[in-house]
Amino acid sequence: MRLFVRNIYIIIGVVLFTNCSKYDKKMPIDFSFIIEDNHNKYNSQTGIYTRRYREIRLLNIPPTSSIKVELTQKELNLIYESFKKYDFLCFPEEFKCSEKGTSIFPFHFIRLKITYKGITKKVNNSTHCSDKIEQRKSDEFDEFSYGIMSIINSKQQIINMKESNIIEE
């Protein structure tokens, strides 16, 4: 009986410490994402990049400006490889503050919604608190999402856009 219980604990341990999901080697045809932060939003399905502004009617500054920005297949593959590396489907929907964390203002948020093989998963994170319950996973999510944003923000059309006039929320 002890051997049986020991084997059960070993199996549970192996399951807990392996990836949540087995990912396809090649990027599935429905792989897509929407990434958004305090000022910007990009939808890979439509190729639309939107930057938010504080509307100033006297200066004729509209609340948003959108442009078409297509990612190359190589860039999409790089994002898909990172999706697998960081095991995106294992991230919680939101990274919650720990009890010892303190609130930080202003704060930066990032939202990422990914569709993979018919599954759509949304993850939210922010710098609202100094310490998260799952801090390591929060740091990994930040690395992953900032990597995506750096690929998108390297596009010349985006570099040429006027910077947002919104102060961090």
C-alpha atoms as a PDB file:
ATOM      1  CA  MET A   1       0.000   0.000   0.000  1.00  0.00           C
ATOM      2  CA  ARG A   2       2.845   2.408   0.851  1.00  0.00           C
ATOM      3  CA  LEU A   3       4.416   1.763  -2.529  1.00  0.00           C
ATOM      4  CA  PHE A   4       1.107   2.576  -4.228  1.00  0.00           C
ATOM      5  CA  VAL A   5       0.731   5.872  -2.312  1.00  0.00           C
ATOM      6  CA  ARG A   6       4.370   6.760  -3.049  1.00  0.00           C
ATOM      7  CA  ASN A   7       3.824   6.125  -6.760  1.00  0.00           C
ATOM      8  CA  ILE A   8       0.709   8.322  -6.718  1.00  0.00           C
ATOM      9  CA  TYR A   9       2.760  11.179  -5.205  1.00  0.00           C
ATOM     10  CA  ILE A  10       5.438  10.711  -7.867  1.00  0.00           C
ATOM     11  CA  ILE A  11       2.852  10.804 -10.653  1.00  0.00           C
ATOM     12  CA  ILE A  12       1.234  13.941  -9.191  1.00  0.00           C
ATOM     13  CA  GLY A  13       4.670  15.596  -8.924  1.00  0.00           C
ATOM     14  CA  VAL A  14       5.537  14.757 -12.521  1.00  0.00           C
ATOM     15  CA  VAL A  15       2.210  16.153 -13.730  1.00  0.00           C
ATOM     16  CA  LEU A  16       2.620  19.364 -11.705  1.00  0.00           C
ATOM     17  CA  PHE A  17       6.134  20.063 -12.943  1.00  0.00           C
ATOM     18  CA  THR A  18       5.566  19.466 -16.629  1.00  0.00           C
ATOM     19  CA  ASN A  19       4.154  21.951 -19.104  1.00  0.00           C
ATOM     20  CA  CYS A  20       0.437  22.626 -18.891  1.00  0.00           C
ATOM     21  CA  SER A  21       0.088  21.999 -22.584  1.00  0.00           C
ATOM     22  CA  LYS A  22       1.800  20.186 -25.363  1.00  0.00           C
ATOM     23  CA  TYR A  23       2.150  22.608 -28.232  1.00  0.00           C
ATOM     24  CA  ASP A  24       2.301  21.842 -31.931  1.00  0.00           C
ATOM     25  CA  LYS A  25       5.777  22.088 -33.394  1.00  0.00           C
ATOM     26  CA  LYS A  26       4.486  24.248 -36.246  1.00  0.00           C
ATOM     27  CA  MET A  27       2.319  27.292 -35.684  1.00  0.00           C
ATOM     28  CA  PRO A  28      -1.369  26.411 -36.209  1.00  0.00           C
ATOM     29  CA  ILE A  29      -3.267  28.379 -38.818  1.00  0.00           C
ATOM     30  CA  ASP A  30      -5.547  29.993 -36.206  1.00  0.00           C
ATOM     31  CA  PHE A  31      -2.693  31.297 -34.010  1.00  0.00           C
ATOM     32  CA  SER A  32      -3.376  34.997 -33.418  1.00  0.00           C
ATOM     33  CA  PHE A  33      -3.179  37.566 -30.672  1.00  0.00           C
ATOM     34  CA  ILE A  34      -4.312  40.948 -29.428  1.00  0.00           C
ATOM     35  CA  ILE A  35      -1.875  42.799 -27.199  1.00  0.00           C
ATOM     36  CA  GLU A  36      -2.725  46.035 -25.406  1.00  0.00           C
ATOM     37  CA  ASP A  37      -1.026  48.362 -22.948  1.00  0.00           C
ATOM     38  CA  ASN A  38      -1.820  51.805 -21.535  1.00  0.00           C
ATOM     39  CA  HIS A  39      -1.340  53.490 -24.925  1.00  0.00           C
ATOM     40  CA  ASN A  40      -1.270  50.918 -27.707  1.00  0.00           C
ATOM     41  CA  LYS A  41      -3.183  47.951 -29.083  1.00  0.00           C
ATOM     42  CA  TYR A  42      -2.295  45.508 -31.848  1.00  0.00           C
ATOM     43  CA  ASN A  43      -4.494  42.817 -33.422  1.00  0.00           C
ATOM     44  CA  SER A  44      -2.512  40.261 -35.444  1.00  0.00           C
ATOM     45  CA  GLN A  45      -5.619  39.002 -37.281  1.00  0.00           C
ATOM     46  CA  THR A  46      -6.500  42.394 -38.706  1.00  0.00           C
ATOM     47  CA  GLY A  47      -2.985  43.865 -38.654  1.00  0.00           C
ATOM     48  CA  ILE A  48      -4.405  47.017 -37.045  1.00  0.00           C
ATOM     49  CA  TYR A  49      -2.226  48.957 -34.610  1.00  0.00           C
ATOM     50  CA  THR A  50      -4.003  51.627 -32.562  1.00  0.00           C
ATOM     51  CA  ARG A  51      -2.403  54.299 -30.416  1.00  0.00           C
ATOM     52  CA  ARG A  52      -4.477  56.149 -27.823  1.00  0.00           C
ATOM     53  CA  TYR A  53      -4.227  59.875 -27.144  1.00  0.00           C
ATOM     54  CA  ARG A  54      -5.841  62.237 -24.716  1.00  0.00           C
ATOM     55  CA  GLU A  55      -8.269  64.045 -26.989  1.00  0.00           C
ATOM     56  CA  ILE A  56      -7.560  67.760 -27.262  1.00  0.00           C
ATOM     57  CA  ARG A  57     -10.171  69.315 -29.519  1.00  0.00           C
ATOM     58  CA  LEU A  58      -8.522  72.738 -29.683  1.00  0.00           C
ATOM     59  CA  LEU A  59      -5.357  71.159 -31.102  1.00  0.00           C
ATOM     60  CA  ASN A  60      -7.324  68.714 -33.260  1.00  0.00           C
ATOM     61  CA  ILE A  61      -5.831  65.670 -31.510  1.00  0.00           C
ATOM     62  CA  PRO A  62      -8.206  62.700 -31.903  1.00  0.00           C
ATOM     63  CA  PRO A  63      -8.537  60.060 -29.148  1.00  0.00           C
ATOM     64  CA  THR A  64      -6.960  57.325 -31.323  1.00  0.00           C
ATOM     65  CA  SER A  65      -4.904  56.823 -34.437  1.00  0.00           C
ATOM     66  CA  SER A  66      -4.841  53.479 -36.280  1.00  0.00           C
ATOM     67  CA  ILE A  67      -2.602  52.103 -38.998  1.00  0.00           C
ATOM     68  CA  LYS A  68      -2.216  48.788 -40.807  1.00  0.00           C
ATOM     69  CA  VAL A  69       0.934  46.923 -39.759  1.00  0.00           C
ATOM     70  CA  GLU A  70       1.541  43.394 -40.997  1.00  0.00           C
ATOM     71  CA  LEU A  71       3.959  41.070 -39.234  1.00  0.00           C
ATOM     72  CA  THR A  72       6.104  38.814 -41.385  1.00  0.00           C
ATOM     73  CA  GLN A  73       5.802  35.041 -41.152  1.00  0.00           C
ATOM     74  CA  LYS A  74       9.247  35.007 -39.529  1.00  0.00           C
ATOM     75  CA  GLU A  75       8.074  37.472 -36.846  1.00  0.00           C
ATOM     76  CA  LEU A  76       4.894  35.466 -36.209  1.00  0.00           C
ATOM     77  CA  ASN A  77       6.957  32.270 -35.923  1.00  0.00           C
ATOM     78  CA  LEU A  78       9.269  33.970 -33.424  1.00  0.00           C
ATOM     79  CA  ILE A  79       6.253  34.998 -31.327  1.00  0.00           C
ATOM     80  CA  TYR A  80       4.832  31.464 -31.560  1.00  0.00           C
ATOM     81  CA  GLU A  81       8.156  29.980 -30.386  1.00  0.00           C
ATOM     82  CA  SER A  82       8.085  32.347 -27.396  1.00  0.00           C
ATOM     83  CA  PHE A  83       4.457  31.378 -26.743  1.00  0.00           C
ATOM     84  CA  LYS A  84       5.630  27.766 -26.408  1.00  0.00           C
ATOM     85  CA  LYS A  85       8.815  28.631 -24.479  1.00  0.00           C
ATOM     86  CA  TYR A  86       6.928  30.614 -21.829  1.00  0.00           C
ATOM     87  CA  ASP A  87       4.092  28.051 -21.759  1.00  0.00           C
ATOM     88  CA  PHE A  88       1.478  30.767 -22.211  1.00  0.00           C
ATOM     89  CA  LEU A  89      -1.530  28.533 -21.553  1.00  0.00           C
ATOM     90  CA  CYS A  90      -0.223  27.938 -18.004  1.00  0.00           C
ATOM     91  CA  PHE A  91      -0.280  31.613 -17.051  1.00  0.00           C
ATOM     92  CA  PRO A  92      -3.145  32.658 -14.756  1.00  0.00           C
ATOM     93  CA  GLU A  93      -5.764  34.996 -16.205  1.00  0.00           C
ATOM     94  CA  GLU A  94      -4.519  37.742 -13.913  1.00  0.00           C
ATOM     95  CA  PHE A  95      -1.419  38.112 -11.760  1.00  0.00           C
ATOM     96  CA  LYS A  96      -2.664  39.021  -8.312  1.00  0.00           C
ATOM     97  CA  CYS A  97      -0.836  41.059  -5.685  1.00  0.00           C
ATOM     98  CA  SER A  98       0.619  39.250  -2.703  1.00  0.00           C
ATOM     99  CA  GLU A  99      -0.191  40.403   0.820  1.00  0.00           C
ATOM    100  CA  LYS A 100       3.265  41.920   1.193  1.00  0.00           C
ATOM    101  CA  GLY A 101       3.010  43.853  -2.094  1.00  0.00           C
ATOM    102  CA  THR A 102       2.510  47.601  -2.037  1.00  0.00           C
ATOM    103  CA  SER A 103       0.502  49.662  -4.505  1.00  0.00           C
ATOM    104  CA  ILE A 104       2.424  51.675  -7.082  1.00  0.00           C
ATOM    105  CA  PHE A 105       1.044  54.675  -8.964  1.00  0.00           C
ATOM    106  CA  PRO A 106       1.139  55.465 -11.781  1.00  0.00           C
ATOM    107  CA  PHE A 107       1.075  51.933 -13.137  1.00  0.00           C
ATOM    108  CA  HIS A 108       1.486  50.231 -16.484  1.00  0.00           C
ATOM    109  CA  PHE A 109      -0.790  47.396 -17.633  1.00  0.00           C
ATOM    110  CA  ILE A 110      -0.514  44.821 -20.375  1.00  0.00           C
ATOM    111  CA  ARG A 111      -3.247  42.543 -21.694  1.00  0.00           C
ATOM    112  CA  LEU A 112      -2.603  39.672 -24.028  1.00  0.00           C
ATOM    113  CA  LYS A 113      -5.255  37.497 -25.655  1.00  0.00           C
ATOM    114  CA  ILE A 114      -4.022  34.563 -27.726  1.00  0.00           C
ATOM    115  CA  THR A 115      -5.987  32.112 -29.854  1.00  0.00           C
ATOM    116  CA  TYR A 116      -4.362  28.715 -30.332  1.00  0.00           C
ATOM    117  CA  LYS A 117      -6.086  25.675 -31.858  1.00  0.00           C
ATOM    118  CA  GLY A 118      -9.551  27.004 -31.067  1.00  0.00           C
ATOM    119  CA  ILE A 119      -8.621  27.968 -27.498  1.00  0.00           C
ATOM    120  CA  THR A 120      -8.629  31.652 -26.569  1.00  0.00           C
ATOM    121  CA  LYS A 121      -6.798  32.657 -23.414  1.00  0.00           C
ATOM    122  CA  LYS A 122      -6.575  36.155 -21.910  1.00  0.00           C
ATOM    123  CA  VAL A 123      -3.888  37.215 -19.441  1.00  0.00           C
ATOM    124  CA  ASN A 124      -3.645  40.568 -17.633  1.00  0.00           C
ATOM    125  CA  ASN A 125      -0.707  41.982 -15.719  1.00  0.00           C
ATOM    126  CA  SER A 126       0.234  45.378 -14.334  1.00  0.00           C
ATOM    127  CA  THR A 127       2.847  47.167 -12.268  1.00  0.00           C
ATOM    128  CA  HIS A 128       0.060  48.165  -9.844  1.00  0.00           C
ATOM    129  CA  CYS A 129       1.722  46.252  -6.995  1.00  0.00           C
ATOM    130  CA  SER A 130       5.336  45.586  -6.105  1.00  0.00           C
ATOM    131  CA  ASP A 131       5.015  41.865  -5.401  1.00  0.00           C
ATOM    132  CA  LYS A 132       2.805  39.210  -6.993  1.00  0.00           C
ATOM    133  CA  ILE A 133       1.639  35.851  -5.681  1.00  0.00           C
ATOM    134  CA  GLU A 134       3.220  34.213  -8.736  1.00  0.00           C
ATOM    135  CA  GLN A 135       6.102  36.647  -9.191  1.00  0.00           C
ATOM    136  CA  ARG A 136       8.273  34.352 -11.345  1.00  0.00           C
ATOM    137  CA  LYS A 137       5.414  33.684 -13.775  1.00  0.00           C
ATOM    138  CA  SER A 138       4.561  37.398 -13.776  1.00  0.00           C
ATOM    139  CA  ASP A 139       8.160  38.208 -14.750  1.00  0.00           C
ATOM    140  CA  GLU A 140       8.037  35.570 -17.504  1.00  0.00           C
ATOM    141  CA  PHE A 141       4.765  36.995 -18.829  1.00  0.00           C
ATOM    142  CA  ASP A 142       6.325  40.473 -18.877  1.00  0.00           C
ATOM    143  CA  GLU A 143       9.347  39.149 -20.812  1.00  0.00           C
ATOM    144  CA  PHE A 144       7.058  37.436 -23.315  1.00  0.00           C
ATOM    145  CA  SER A 145       4.693  40.384 -23.817  1.00  0.00           C
ATOM    146  CA  TYR A 146       7.490  42.979 -23.993  1.00  0.00           C
ATOM    147  CA  GLY A 147       9.185  40.781 -26.589  1.00  0.00           C
ATOM    148  CA  ILE A 148       6.014  40.878 -28.699  1.00  0.00           C
ATOM    149  CA  MET A 149       5.729  44.650 -28.279  1.00  0.00           C
ATOM    150  CA  SER A 150       9.371  45.156 -29.271  1.00  0.00           C
ATOM    151  CA  ILE A 151       8.784  43.247 -32.525  1.00  0.00           C
ATOM    152  CA  ILE A 152       5.689  45.325 -33.265  1.00  0.00           C
ATOM    153  CA  ASN A 153       7.232  48.641 -32.210  1.00  0.00           C
ATOM    154  CA  SER A 154      10.250  48.064 -34.475  1.00  0.00           C
ATOM    155  CA  LYS A 155       8.035  48.552 -37.535  1.00  0.00           C
ATOM    156  CA  GLN A 156       8.800  51.801 -39.369  1.00  0.00           C
ATOM    157  CA  GLN A 157       5.105  52.768 -39.623  1.00  0.00           C
ATOM    158  CA  ILE A 158       4.846  52.686 -35.825  1.00  0.00           C
ATOM    159  CA  ILE A 159       8.131  54.501 -35.292  1.00  0.00           C
ATOM    160  CA  ASN A 160       6.739  57.275 -37.518  1.00  0.00           C
ATOM    161  CA  MET A 161       3.549  57.653 -35.446  1.00  0.00           C
ATOM    162  CA  LYS A 162       3.161  60.548 -33.026  1.00  0.00           C
ATOM    163  CA  GLU A 163       3.869  59.494 -29.437  1.00  0.00           C
ATOM    164  CA  SER A 164       0.906  59.157 -27.090  1.00  0.00           C
ATOM    165  CA  ASN A 165       0.225  62.167 -24.886  1.00  0.00           C
ATOM    166  CA  ILE A 166      -1.368  60.063 -22.151  1.00  0.00           C
ATOM    167  CA  ILE A 167       0.395  60.056 -18.815  1.00  0.00           C
ATOM    168  CA  GLU A 168       0.564  56.637 -17.143  1.00  0.00           C
ATOM    169  CA  GLU A 169      -2.692  55.770 -15.399  1.00  0.00           C
END
